Amino acid sequence: MIIKGNCQIAGIGAYFPEQVVTSKELMFEINSEKNYGLSESWLDDVCGIEKRRVARPDELPSTLAIIAGEEALKTSGVSPSEIDAVIFCGISKEWIEPSIAHKVQHELGCTNAMCFDVSNACHGFMNGIMIADQFMQSSNATHVLVVTGEVTTDITSHYIDKLKKNKADLKKEIGALTLGDGGAAMILTPKTDTRGFQFYNLYTNGKYADLCKIGATKNGYNGQMVMGKISSMMIRLHSAMIEKTYSYLNWSSLDVGRFICHQVGKKPHIRMSSMANVSPEITPISYKDYGNIATVTIPFNIYNAKPEHGEKVLVGGAGSGMSISQSGIIF
């Protein structure tokens, strides 16, 4: 599916908890060398993930989202009362209902905003952007806050406990050890010129849903995160779409100033750059210091890259399922 872009970024924010946990600490905790034949530096060496941030017990998904939202409002110059909609897109939630967006709306003072949640694994934030974009075209909305907060390291803790007792398959659960916590927010407004989102190219294939599937149980979580197969399929699906994306954007790879993509580790990140035919040097890295930060990945890397005025940015989104998107932004 191809969707024409109608919005641009007015403000962006990000927030990470203070606590840092290294990959070597996690591997030491499960006694990886004795129990699984893997060195304590395996996550560093193979996945390229050296550390991640871990939220305190009082830092909920909404907490991280709200702090990021405060920064997005500040950088945009938009007042909370001007926000027409709040869309929360995280995997993590502190309750089943109501939507976390309600809490974000209240705490930020976005009293005139409608609100709801969108969930689509790590691809959720990109879906939130696209929904906001369509609001710009089909309604009188002029400011939409898309926000996320991820506290996925509770999944890590669950599987650490199982791995310590040799009650889990490390190869199937290794993805749980790559996760990190954080929050991000983006305020979108209608385009006023050629800047902003140009096109979105979307594809989903539910055949691969079982490759990364986590469910909640009375005793915690169950499922699997088969990262090697997930990553290979992500690259394959992106590769099949990239020529069409460049064609719709009327760009070549040489036009791309930055390539922002979802990140699960070092090897897939390098392969994503190769897929887009761009240098790894223009593809910012977050996995090394933050791990797999799920829906926070795309907005945080845009936030951190600080693209220059007029710069063309290619975005490659992905989430288990599999859901894939490619889009182009002119800043």
C-alpha atoms as a PDB file:
ATOM      1  CA  MET A   1       0.000   0.000   0.000  1.00  0.00           C
ATOM      2  CA  ILE A   2       1.203   3.493  -0.870  1.00  0.00           C
ATOM      3  CA  ILE A   3      -0.017   6.488   1.178  1.00  0.00           C
ATOM      4  CA  LYS A   4       0.765  10.075   0.268  1.00  0.00           C
ATOM      5  CA  GLY A   5       2.270  12.127   3.079  1.00  0.00           C
ATOM      6  CA  ASN A   6       0.411  15.169   4.372  1.00  0.00           C
ATOM      7  CA  CYS A   7       2.275  16.154   7.543  1.00  0.00           C
ATOM      8  CA  GLN A   8       5.579  17.400   8.895  1.00  0.00           C
ATOM      9  CA  ILE A   9       7.334  17.208  12.246  1.00  0.00           C
ATOM     10  CA  ALA A  10       6.819  20.281  14.431  1.00  0.00           C
ATOM     11  CA  GLY A  11       8.528  18.989  17.569  1.00  0.00           C
ATOM     12  CA  ILE A  12      10.177  15.870  18.921  1.00  0.00           C
ATOM     13  CA  GLY A  13      11.253  14.597  22.319  1.00  0.00           C
ATOM     14  CA  ALA A  14      12.876  11.560  23.942  1.00  0.00           C
ATOM     15  CA  TYR A  15      13.518  10.296  27.439  1.00  0.00           C
ATOM     16  CA  PHE A  16      15.482   7.397  28.945  1.00  0.00           C
ATOM     17  CA  PRO A  17      15.643   6.121  32.514  1.00  0.00           C
ATOM     18  CA  GLU A  18      18.909   6.717  34.379  1.00  0.00           C
ATOM     19  CA  GLN A  19      19.688   3.105  35.319  1.00  0.00           C
ATOM     20  CA  VAL A  20      22.132   1.380  32.947  1.00  0.00           C
ATOM     21  CA  VAL A  21      22.446  -2.416  32.770  1.00  0.00           C
ATOM     22  CA  THR A  22      25.199  -3.937  30.643  1.00  0.00           C
ATOM     23  CA  SER A  23      24.873  -7.023  28.488  1.00  0.00           C
ATOM     24  CA  LYS A  24      27.761  -8.636  30.352  1.00  0.00           C
ATOM     25  CA  GLU A  25      25.806  -8.244  33.590  1.00  0.00           C
ATOM     26  CA  LEU A  26      22.843 -10.083  32.071  1.00  0.00           C
ATOM     27  CA  MET A  27      25.010 -12.887  30.698  1.00  0.00           C
ATOM     28  CA  PHE A  28      26.787 -13.201  34.045  1.00  0.00           C
ATOM     29  CA  GLU A  29      23.429 -13.452  35.807  1.00  0.00           C
ATOM     30  CA  ILE A  30      22.376 -16.471  33.731  1.00  0.00           C
ATOM     31  CA  ASN A  31      25.879 -17.993  34.031  1.00  0.00           C
ATOM     32  CA  SER A  32      26.019 -18.078  30.246  1.00  0.00           C
ATOM     33  CA  GLU A  33      29.375 -19.822  29.892  1.00  0.00           C
ATOM     34  CA  LYS A  34      28.520 -22.751  32.149  1.00  0.00           C
ATOM     35  CA  ASN A  35      24.841 -23.118  31.265  1.00  0.00           C
ATOM     36  CA  TYR A  36      24.807 -22.230  27.571  1.00  0.00           C
ATOM     37  CA  GLY A  37      28.391 -22.268  26.309  1.00  0.00           C
ATOM     38  CA  LEU A  38      28.342 -18.558  25.483  1.00  0.00           C
ATOM     39  CA  SER A  39      30.838 -16.022  26.779  1.00  0.00           C
ATOM     40  CA  GLU A  40      29.674 -13.089  28.861  1.00  0.00           C
ATOM     41  CA  SER A  41      30.654 -10.808  25.968  1.00  0.00           C
ATOM     42  CA  TRP A  42      28.442 -12.672  23.456  1.00  0.00           C
ATOM     43  CA  LEU A  43      25.693 -10.016  23.303  1.00  0.00           C
ATOM     44  CA  ASP A  44      28.354  -7.315  22.887  1.00  0.00           C
ATOM     45  CA  ASP A  45      30.345  -9.198  20.246  1.00  0.00           C
ATOM     46  CA  VAL A  46      27.555 -10.758  18.161  1.00  0.00           C
ATOM     47  CA  CYS A  47      24.599  -8.405  18.638  1.00  0.00           C
ATOM     48  CA  GLY A  48      26.614  -5.233  19.183  1.00  0.00           C
ATOM     49  CA  ILE A  49      24.431  -4.408  22.189  1.00  0.00           C
ATOM     50  CA  GLU A  50      26.587  -3.315  25.099  1.00  0.00           C
ATOM     51  CA  LYS A  51      23.986  -1.845  27.439  1.00  0.00           C
ATOM     52  CA  ARG A  52      20.434  -0.647  27.820  1.00  0.00           C
ATOM     53  CA  ARG A  53      18.394   1.614  30.101  1.00  0.00           C
ATOM     54  CA  VAL A  54      16.080   0.046  32.667  1.00  0.00           C
ATOM     55  CA  ALA A  55      13.112   1.869  34.210  1.00  0.00           C
ATOM     56  CA  ARG A  56      12.605   2.135  37.959  1.00  0.00           C
ATOM     57  CA  PRO A  57       9.487   0.430  39.393  1.00  0.00           C
ATOM     58  CA  ASP A  58       7.767   3.826  39.548  1.00  0.00           C
ATOM     59  CA  GLU A  59       8.606   4.656  35.908  1.00  0.00           C
ATOM     60  CA  LEU A  60       5.609   3.370  33.977  1.00  0.00           C
ATOM     61  CA  PRO A  61       5.149   3.435  30.173  1.00  0.00           C
ATOM     62  CA  SER A  62       3.045   6.579  30.568  1.00  0.00           C
ATOM     63  CA  THR A  63       5.775   8.179  32.729  1.00  0.00           C
ATOM     64  CA  LEU A  64       8.354   7.854  29.963  1.00  0.00           C
ATOM     65  CA  ALA A  65       5.858   8.971  27.318  1.00  0.00           C
ATOM     66  CA  ILE A  66       4.792  12.040  29.283  1.00  0.00           C
ATOM     67  CA  ILE A  67       8.356  13.261  29.857  1.00  0.00           C
ATOM     68  CA  ALA A  68       9.132  12.820  26.149  1.00  0.00           C
ATOM     69  CA  GLY A  69       5.853  14.584  25.311  1.00  0.00           C
ATOM     70  CA  GLU A  70       6.807  17.562  27.459  1.00  0.00           C
ATOM     71  CA  GLU A  71       9.987  17.992  25.439  1.00  0.00           C
ATOM     72  CA  ALA A  72       8.131  17.634  22.130  1.00  0.00           C
ATOM     73  CA  LEU A  73       5.702  20.372  23.180  1.00  0.00           C
ATOM     74  CA  LYS A  74       8.581  22.620  24.232  1.00  0.00           C
ATOM     75  CA  THR A  75      10.552  22.173  21.007  1.00  0.00           C
ATOM     76  CA  SER A  76       7.458  22.695  18.855  1.00  0.00           C
ATOM     77  CA  GLY A  77       6.248  25.840  20.571  1.00  0.00           C
ATOM     78  CA  VAL A  78       2.754  24.325  20.521  1.00  0.00           C
ATOM     79  CA  SER A  79       0.638  24.739  23.650  1.00  0.00           C
ATOM     80  CA  PRO A  80      -1.048  21.620  25.123  1.00  0.00           C
ATOM     81  CA  SER A  81      -4.498  23.086  24.435  1.00  0.00           C
ATOM     82  CA  GLU A  82      -3.671  23.177  20.694  1.00  0.00           C
ATOM     83  CA  ILE A  83      -3.214  19.400  20.488  1.00  0.00           C
ATOM     84  CA  ASP A  84      -6.160  17.867  18.615  1.00  0.00           C
ATOM     85  CA  ALA A  85      -5.313  14.195  19.197  1.00  0.00           C
ATOM     86  CA  VAL A  86      -3.003  12.104  21.374  1.00  0.00           C
ATOM     87  CA  ILE A  87      -2.021   8.671  20.029  1.00  0.00           C
ATOM     88  CA  PHE A  88      -0.073   6.307  22.303  1.00  0.00           C
ATOM     89  CA  CYS A  89       1.755   3.618  20.323  1.00  0.00           C
ATOM     90  CA  GLY A  90       3.769   1.557  22.797  1.00  0.00           C
ATOM     91  CA  ILE A  91       3.835  -2.186  23.306  1.00  0.00           C
ATOM     92  CA  SER A  92       4.058  -1.675  27.076  1.00  0.00           C
ATOM     93  CA  LYS A  93       0.939  -0.759  29.034  1.00  0.00           C
ATOM     94  CA  GLU A  94       0.284  -0.368  32.744  1.00  0.00           C
ATOM     95  CA  TRP A  95      -3.358  -1.457  32.431  1.00  0.00           C
ATOM     96  CA  ILE A  96      -5.766  -3.031  29.960  1.00  0.00           C
ATOM     97  CA  GLU A  97      -8.148  -0.088  29.849  1.00  0.00           C
ATOM     98  CA  PRO A  98      -8.602   2.787  29.318  1.00  0.00           C
ATOM     99  CA  SER A  99      -6.042   3.717  26.695  1.00  0.00           C
ATOM    100  CA  ILE A 100      -2.727   5.026  28.031  1.00  0.00           C
ATOM    101  CA  ALA A 101      -3.300   8.039  25.772  1.00  0.00           C
ATOM    102  CA  HIS A 102      -5.936   9.225  28.253  1.00  0.00           C
ATOM    103  CA  LYS A 103      -3.343   9.484  31.022  1.00  0.00           C
ATOM    104  CA  VAL A 104      -0.872  11.229  28.705  1.00  0.00           C
ATOM    105  CA  GLN A 105      -3.572  13.691  27.624  1.00  0.00           C
ATOM    106  CA  HIS A 106      -4.478  14.520  31.222  1.00  0.00           C
ATOM    107  CA  GLU A 107      -0.923  14.853  32.560  1.00  0.00           C
ATOM    108  CA  LEU A 108       0.219  17.033  29.668  1.00  0.00           C
ATOM    109  CA  GLY A 109      -2.895  19.221  29.805  1.00  0.00           C
ATOM    110  CA  CYS A 110      -4.011  18.452  26.256  1.00  0.00           C
ATOM    111  CA  THR A 111      -7.591  19.141  27.273  1.00  0.00           C
ATOM    112  CA  ASN A 112      -8.965  19.544  23.743  1.00  0.00           C
ATOM    113  CA  ALA A 113      -7.456  16.338  22.364  1.00  0.00           C
ATOM    114  CA  MET A 114      -9.239  13.128  21.479  1.00  0.00           C
ATOM    115  CA  CYS A 115      -7.085  10.151  22.421  1.00  0.00           C
ATOM    116  CA  PHE A 116      -6.589   6.464  21.793  1.00  0.00           C
ATOM    117  CA  ASP A 117      -3.900   3.758  21.640  1.00  0.00           C
ATOM    118  CA  VAL A 118      -2.448   1.995  18.596  1.00  0.00           C
ATOM    119  CA  SER A 119      -0.616  -1.312  18.977  1.00  0.00           C
ATOM    120  CA  ASN A 120       1.438  -3.046  16.304  1.00  0.00           C
ATOM    121  CA  ALA A 121       4.579  -4.379  17.990  1.00  0.00           C
ATOM    122  CA  CYS A 122       7.712  -2.367  17.186  1.00  0.00           C
ATOM    123  CA  HIS A 123       5.989  -0.808  14.178  1.00  0.00           C
ATOM    124  CA  GLY A 124       3.391   0.970  16.299  1.00  0.00           C
ATOM    125  CA  PHE A 125       4.938   4.438  16.205  1.00  0.00           C
ATOM    126  CA  MET A 126       5.077   4.437  12.403  1.00  0.00           C
ATOM    127  CA  ASN A 127       1.400   3.436  12.314  1.00  0.00           C
ATOM    128  CA  GLY A 128       0.641   6.275  14.716  1.00  0.00           C
ATOM    129  CA  ILE A 129       2.365   8.741  12.397  1.00  0.00           C
ATOM    130  CA  MET A 130       0.354   7.478   9.433  1.00  0.00           C
ATOM    131  CA  ILE A 131      -2.947   7.777  11.305  1.00  0.00           C
ATOM    132  CA  ALA A 132      -2.030  11.324  12.368  1.00  0.00           C
ATOM    133  CA  ASP A 133      -1.104  12.055   8.763  1.00  0.00           C
ATOM    134  CA  GLN A 134      -4.540  10.972   7.569  1.00  0.00           C
ATOM    135  CA  PHE A 135      -6.165  13.210  10.199  1.00  0.00           C
ATOM    136  CA  MET A 136      -4.371  16.120   8.531  1.00  0.00           C
ATOM    137  CA  GLN A 137      -6.017  15.240   5.235  1.00  0.00           C
ATOM    138  CA  SER A 138      -9.522  14.273   6.339  1.00  0.00           C
ATOM    139  CA  SER A 139     -10.287  16.530   9.324  1.00  0.00           C
ATOM    140  CA  ASN A 140      -9.546  19.933  10.807  1.00  0.00           C
ATOM    141  CA  ALA A 141      -6.737  18.538  12.981  1.00  0.00           C
ATOM    142  CA  THR A 142      -3.664  20.782  12.993  1.00  0.00           C
ATOM    143  CA  HIS A 143      -1.577  19.310  15.826  1.00  0.00           C
ATOM    144  CA  VAL A 144      -1.337  15.608  16.688  1.00  0.00           C
ATOM    145  CA  LEU A 145       0.883  14.188  19.425  1.00  0.00           C
ATOM    146  CA  VAL A 146       2.184  10.679  18.683  1.00  0.00           C
ATOM    147  CA  VAL A 147       3.836   9.252  21.772  1.00  0.00           C
ATOM    148  CA  THR A 148       5.270   6.039  23.200  1.00  0.00           C
ATOM    149  CA  GLY A 149       6.785   4.666  26.364  1.00  0.00           C
ATOM    150  CA  GLU A 150       8.386   1.235  26.513  1.00  0.00           C
ATOM    151  CA  VAL A 151       9.171  -0.721  29.687  1.00  0.00           C
ATOM    152  CA  THR A 152       9.933  -4.024  27.976  1.00  0.00           C
ATOM    153  CA  THR A 153      12.739  -5.002  30.351  1.00  0.00           C
ATOM    154  CA  ASP A 154      10.092  -6.636  32.547  1.00  0.00           C
ATOM    155  CA  ILE A 155      10.099  -9.265  29.779  1.00  0.00           C
ATOM    156  CA  THR A 156      13.884  -9.447  30.135  1.00  0.00           C
ATOM    157  CA  SER A 157      13.565 -10.009  33.893  1.00  0.00           C
ATOM    158  CA  HIS A 158      11.053 -12.803  33.356  1.00  0.00           C
ATOM    159  CA  TYR A 159      13.315 -14.679  30.958  1.00  0.00           C
ATOM    160  CA  ILE A 160      16.432 -14.050  33.042  1.00  0.00           C
ATOM    161  CA  ASP A 161      14.704 -15.892  35.888  1.00  0.00           C
ATOM    162  CA  LYS A 162      13.815 -18.794  33.579  1.00  0.00           C
ATOM    163  CA  LEU A 163      17.287 -18.943  32.026  1.00  0.00           C
ATOM    164  CA  LYS A 164      18.929 -18.997  35.447  1.00  0.00           C
ATOM    165  CA  LYS A 165      16.930 -22.153  36.172  1.00  0.00           C
ATOM    166  CA  ASN A 166      17.575 -23.692  32.719  1.00  0.00           C
ATOM    167  CA  LYS A 167      13.854 -23.517  32.010  1.00  0.00           C
ATOM    168  CA  ALA A 168      14.104 -21.663  28.678  1.00  0.00           C
ATOM    169  CA  ASP A 169      15.718 -22.114  25.267  1.00  0.00           C
ATOM    170  CA  LEU A 170      18.307 -19.342  24.980  1.00  0.00           C
ATOM    171  CA  LYS A 171      18.302 -19.466  21.158  1.00  0.00           C
ATOM    172  CA  LYS A 172      14.557 -18.814  21.090  1.00  0.00           C
ATOM    173  CA  GLU A 173      14.563 -16.280  23.928  1.00  0.00           C
ATOM    174  CA  ILE A 174      17.759 -14.341  23.174  1.00  0.00           C
ATOM    175  CA  GLY A 175      15.732 -11.413  21.880  1.00  0.00           C
ATOM    176  CA  ALA A 176      14.385 -10.861  25.386  1.00  0.00           C
ATOM    177  CA  LEU A 177      17.930 -10.029  26.531  1.00  0.00           C
ATOM    178  CA  THR A 178      18.313  -7.284  23.912  1.00  0.00           C
ATOM    179  CA  LEU A 179      15.444  -5.067  25.105  1.00  0.00           C
ATOM    180  CA  GLY A 180      15.713  -1.582  26.590  1.00  0.00           C
ATOM    181  CA  ASP A 181      13.337   1.006  28.076  1.00  0.00           C
ATOM    182  CA  GLY A 182      12.634   4.549  26.891  1.00  0.00           C
ATOM    183  CA  GLY A 183      10.088   7.068  25.675  1.00  0.00           C
ATOM    184  CA  ALA A 184       9.625   9.235  22.594  1.00  0.00           C
ATOM    185  CA  ALA A 185       7.132  11.759  21.260  1.00  0.00           C
ATOM    186  CA  MET A 186       6.469  13.636  18.037  1.00  0.00           C
ATOM    187  CA  ILE A 187       4.124  16.517  17.255  1.00  0.00           C
ATOM    188  CA  LEU A 188       2.872  16.527  13.682  1.00  0.00           C
ATOM    189  CA  THR A 189       1.254  19.376  11.729  1.00  0.00           C
ATOM    190  CA  PRO A 190      -0.008  19.697   8.137  1.00  0.00           C
ATOM    191  CA  LYS A 191       2.615  20.355   5.487  1.00  0.00           C
ATOM    192  CA  THR A 192       2.937  23.989   4.425  1.00  0.00           C
ATOM    193  CA  ASP A 193       5.436  23.417   1.613  1.00  0.00           C
ATOM    194  CA  THR A 194       7.430  20.523   0.147  1.00  0.00           C
ATOM    195  CA  ARG A 195       8.937  19.587   3.505  1.00  0.00           C
ATOM    196  CA  GLY A 196       7.592  16.743   5.624  1.00  0.00           C
ATOM    197  CA  PHE A 197       6.569  13.146   4.967  1.00  0.00           C
ATOM    198  CA  GLN A 198       6.411  12.432   1.234  1.00  0.00           C
ATOM    199  CA  PHE A 199       5.108   8.862   0.855  1.00  0.00           C
ATOM    200  CA  TYR A 200       4.671   5.730   2.967  1.00  0.00           C
ATOM    201  CA  ASN A 201       5.143   2.278   1.433  1.00  0.00           C
ATOM    202  CA  LEU A 202       3.520  -0.427   3.599  1.00  0.00           C
ATOM    203  CA  TYR A 203       3.500  -4.225   3.620  1.00  0.00           C
ATOM    204  CA  THR A 204       2.405  -6.892   6.104  1.00  0.00           C
ATOM    205  CA  ASN A 205       2.743 -10.670   5.977  1.00  0.00           C
ATOM    206  CA  GLY A 206       1.104 -12.430   8.911  1.00  0.00           C
ATOM    207  CA  LYS A 207       2.709 -15.724   7.884  1.00  0.00           C
ATOM    208  CA  TYR A 208       5.684 -14.795  10.063  1.00  0.00           C
ATOM    209  CA  ALA A 209       3.765 -13.855  13.204  1.00  0.00           C
ATOM    210  CA  ASP A 210       5.119 -16.801  15.217  1.00  0.00           C
ATOM    211  CA  LEU A 211       8.751 -15.734  14.832  1.00  0.00           C
ATOM    212  CA  CYS A 212       8.305 -13.110  17.535  1.00  0.00           C
ATOM    213  CA  LYS A 213       5.327 -13.705  19.763  1.00  0.00           C
ATOM    214  CA  ILE A 214       5.015 -12.794  23.439  1.00  0.00           C
ATOM    215  CA  GLY A 215       1.923 -13.470  25.495  1.00  0.00           C
ATOM    216  CA  ALA A 216       1.057 -12.619  29.095  1.00  0.00           C
ATOM    217  CA  THR A 217       0.245 -15.436  31.520  1.00  0.00           C
ATOM    218  CA  LYS A 218      -0.506 -15.706  35.234  1.00  0.00           C
ATOM    219  CA  ASN A 219       3.171 -16.524  35.752  1.00  0.00           C
ATOM    220  CA  GLY A 220       4.638 -13.799  33.531  1.00  0.00           C
ATOM    221  CA  TYR A 221       5.192 -14.297  29.814  1.00  0.00           C
ATOM    222  CA  ASN A 222       5.467 -17.031  27.219  1.00  0.00           C
ATOM    223  CA  GLY A 223       6.423 -17.084  23.559  1.00  0.00           C
ATOM    224  CA  GLN A 224       9.617 -16.742  21.590  1.00  0.00           C
ATOM    225  CA  MET A 225      11.821 -14.149  19.892  1.00  0.00           C
ATOM    226  CA  VAL A 226      13.799 -15.943  17.179  1.00  0.00           C
ATOM    227  CA  MET A 227      15.943 -12.964  16.257  1.00  0.00           C
ATOM    228  CA  GLY A 228      18.001 -14.501  13.450  1.00  0.00           C
ATOM    229  CA  LYS A 229      14.952 -15.518  11.432  1.00  0.00           C
ATOM    230  CA  ILE A 230      13.095 -12.298  12.249  1.00  0.00           C
ATOM    231  CA  SER A 231      16.018 -10.182  11.069  1.00  0.00           C
ATOM    232  CA  SER A 232      16.480 -12.165   7.861  1.00  0.00           C
ATOM    233  CA  MET A 233      12.811 -11.844   6.987  1.00  0.00           C
ATOM    234  CA  MET A 234      12.855  -8.111   7.787  1.00  0.00           C
ATOM    235  CA  ILE A 235      15.747  -7.584   5.355  1.00  0.00           C
ATOM    236  CA  ARG A 236      14.092  -9.723   2.673  1.00  0.00           C
ATOM    237  CA  LEU A 237      10.807  -7.826   2.838  1.00  0.00           C
ATOM    238  CA  HIS A 238      12.529  -4.430   2.833  1.00  0.00           C
ATOM    239  CA  SER A 239      14.662  -5.473  -0.150  1.00  0.00           C
ATOM    240  CA  ALA A 240      11.545  -6.355  -2.129  1.00  0.00           C
ATOM    241  CA  MET A 241      10.090  -2.864  -1.536  1.00  0.00           C
ATOM    242  CA  ILE A 242      12.994  -0.448  -1.807  1.00  0.00           C
ATOM    243  CA  GLU A 243      12.989   0.144  -5.571  1.00  0.00           C
ATOM    244  CA  LYS A 244       9.278   1.005  -5.505  1.00  0.00           C
ATOM    245  CA  THR A 245       9.850   3.340  -2.569  1.00  0.00           C
ATOM    246  CA  TYR A 246      12.656   5.209  -4.311  1.00  0.00           C
ATOM    247  CA  SER A 247      10.498   5.432  -7.435  1.00  0.00           C
ATOM    248  CA  TYR A 248       7.543   7.025  -5.598  1.00  0.00           C
ATOM    249  CA  LEU A 249       9.852   9.413  -3.761  1.00  0.00           C
ATOM    250  CA  ASN A 250      11.663  10.222  -7.018  1.00  0.00           C
ATOM    251  CA  TRP A 251      14.913   9.719  -5.097  1.00  0.00           C
ATOM    252  CA  SER A 252      17.994   7.635  -5.658  1.00  0.00           C
ATOM    253  CA  SER A 253      20.087   6.278  -2.825  1.00  0.00           C
ATOM    254  CA  LEU A 254      22.528   9.127  -3.471  1.00  0.00           C
ATOM    255  CA  ASP A 255      19.846  11.620  -2.434  1.00  0.00           C
ATOM    256  CA  VAL A 256      19.512  10.127   1.047  1.00  0.00           C
ATOM    257  CA  GLY A 257      21.171  12.230   3.736  1.00  0.00           C
ATOM    258  CA  ARG A 258      20.194   9.928   6.628  1.00  0.00           C
ATOM    259  CA  PHE A 259      18.707   6.458   6.808  1.00  0.00           C
ATOM    260  CA  ILE A 260      16.705   5.885  10.006  1.00  0.00           C
ATOM    261  CA  CYS A 261      15.716   2.262  10.523  1.00  0.00           C
ATOM    262  CA  HIS A 262      14.424  -0.112  13.159  1.00  0.00           C
ATOM    263  CA  GLN A 263      17.294  -1.745  15.037  1.00  0.00           C
ATOM    264  CA  VAL A 264      17.627  -5.137  16.692  1.00  0.00           C
ATOM    265  CA  GLY A 265      21.416  -5.514  16.495  1.00  0.00           C
ATOM    266  CA  LYS A 266      24.672  -4.973  14.615  1.00  0.00           C
ATOM    267  CA  LYS A 267      24.442  -7.430  11.700  1.00  0.00           C
ATOM    268  CA  PRO A 268      20.845  -6.582  10.695  1.00  0.00           C
ATOM    269  CA  HIS A 269      21.713  -2.883  10.911  1.00  0.00           C
ATOM    270  CA  ILE A 270      24.588  -3.275   8.461  1.00  0.00           C
ATOM    271  CA  ARG A 271      22.392  -5.339   6.159  1.00  0.00           C
ATOM    272  CA  MET A 272      19.657  -2.689   6.262  1.00  0.00           C
ATOM    273  CA  SER A 273      22.166  -0.070   5.058  1.00  0.00           C
ATOM    274  CA  SER A 274      23.215  -2.394   2.247  1.00  0.00           C
ATOM    275  CA  MET A 275      19.561  -3.033   1.353  1.00  0.00           C
ATOM    276  CA  ALA A 276      18.978   0.711   0.922  1.00  0.00           C
ATOM    277  CA  ASN A 277      22.299   1.063  -0.922  1.00  0.00           C
ATOM    278  CA  VAL A 278      23.518   3.715   1.509  1.00  0.00           C
ATOM    279  CA  SER A 279      26.627   3.973   3.652  1.00  0.00           C
ATOM    280  CA  PRO A 280      26.400   2.736   7.260  1.00  0.00           C
ATOM    281  CA  GLU A 281      27.929   6.109   8.157  1.00  0.00           C
ATOM    282  CA  ILE A 282      24.593   7.848   7.447  1.00  0.00           C
ATOM    283  CA  THR A 283      22.595   5.226   9.353  1.00  0.00           C
ATOM    284  CA  PRO A 284      22.523   6.288  13.035  1.00  0.00           C
ATOM    285  CA  ILE A 285      23.001   3.597  15.691  1.00  0.00           C
ATOM    286  CA  SER A 286      20.986   3.285  18.892  1.00  0.00           C
ATOM    287  CA  TYR A 287      21.252  -0.451  19.594  1.00  0.00           C
ATOM    288  CA  LYS A 288      24.779  -0.220  21.052  1.00  0.00           C
ATOM    289  CA  ASP A 289      23.867   1.915  24.071  1.00  0.00           C
ATOM    290  CA  TYR A 290      20.093   1.392  24.280  1.00  0.00           C
ATOM    291  CA  GLY A 291      19.383  -2.087  22.879  1.00  0.00           C
ATOM    292  CA  ASN A 292      16.161  -2.855  21.040  1.00  0.00           C
ATOM    293  CA  ILE A 293      13.927   0.000  22.188  1.00  0.00           C
ATOM    294  CA  ALA A 294      10.920  -1.172  20.165  1.00  0.00           C
ATOM    295  CA  THR A 295       8.599   1.695  19.135  1.00  0.00           C
ATOM    296  CA  VAL A 296      11.030   4.282  20.507  1.00  0.00           C
ATOM    297  CA  THR A 297      13.673   3.402  17.894  1.00  0.00           C
ATOM    298  CA  ILE A 298      12.510   5.451  14.893  1.00  0.00           C
ATOM    299  CA  PRO A 299      11.542   8.704  16.679  1.00  0.00           C
ATOM    300  CA  PHE A 300      14.628   8.597  18.930  1.00  0.00           C
ATOM    301  CA  ASN A 301      17.015   8.173  16.011  1.00  0.00           C
ATOM    302  CA  ILE A 302      15.387  11.083  14.173  1.00  0.00           C
ATOM    303  CA  TYR A 303      15.621  13.104  17.398  1.00  0.00           C
ATOM    304  CA  ASN A 304      19.273  12.167  17.877  1.00  0.00           C
ATOM    305  CA  ALA A 305      20.298  12.667  14.233  1.00  0.00           C
ATOM    306  CA  LYS A 306      18.959  16.246  14.096  1.00  0.00           C
ATOM    307  CA  PRO A 307      18.634  16.350  10.269  1.00  0.00           C
ATOM    308  CA  GLU A 308      19.494  19.636   8.596  1.00  0.00           C
ATOM    309  CA  HIS A 309      16.987  21.850   6.791  1.00  0.00           C
ATOM    310  CA  GLY A 310      16.245  20.365   3.370  1.00  0.00           C
ATOM    311  CA  GLU A 311      17.911  17.030   4.166  1.00  0.00           C
ATOM    312  CA  LYS A 312      16.224  13.925   2.752  1.00  0.00           C
ATOM    313  CA  VAL A 313      15.720  11.157   5.302  1.00  0.00           C
ATOM    314  CA  LEU A 314      14.728   7.602   4.392  1.00  0.00           C
ATOM    315  CA  VAL A 315      12.892   5.721   7.157  1.00  0.00           C
ATOM    316  CA  GLY A 316      12.638   1.935   7.400  1.00  0.00           C
ATOM    317  CA  GLY A 317      10.160   0.681   9.989  1.00  0.00           C
ATOM    318  CA  ALA A 318       9.526  -2.895  11.078  1.00  0.00           C
ATOM    319  CA  GLY A 319       7.638  -4.899  13.662  1.00  0.00           C
ATOM    320  CA  SER A 320       6.927  -8.532  14.372  1.00  0.00           C
ATOM    321  CA  GLY A 321       4.033  -9.919  12.485  1.00  0.00           C
ATOM    322  CA  MET A 322       5.743  -9.000  10.070  1.00  0.00           C
ATOM    323  CA  SER A 323       4.892  -5.368   9.360  1.00  0.00           C
ATOM    324  CA  ILE A 324       7.226  -3.304   7.193  1.00  0.00           C
ATOM    325  CA  SER A 325       7.195   0.337   6.094  1.00  0.00           C
ATOM    326  CA  GLN A 326       9.444   2.649   4.150  1.00  0.00           C
ATOM    327  CA  SER A 327       8.958   6.388   3.966  1.00  0.00           C
ATOM    328  CA  GLY A 328      10.758   9.554   3.028  1.00  0.00           C
ATOM    329  CA  ILE A 329      10.927  12.861   4.878  1.00  0.00           C
ATOM    330  CA  ILE A 330      12.280  16.201   3.695  1.00  0.00           C
ATOM    331  CA  PHE A 331      13.332  18.317   6.673  1.00  0.00           C
END
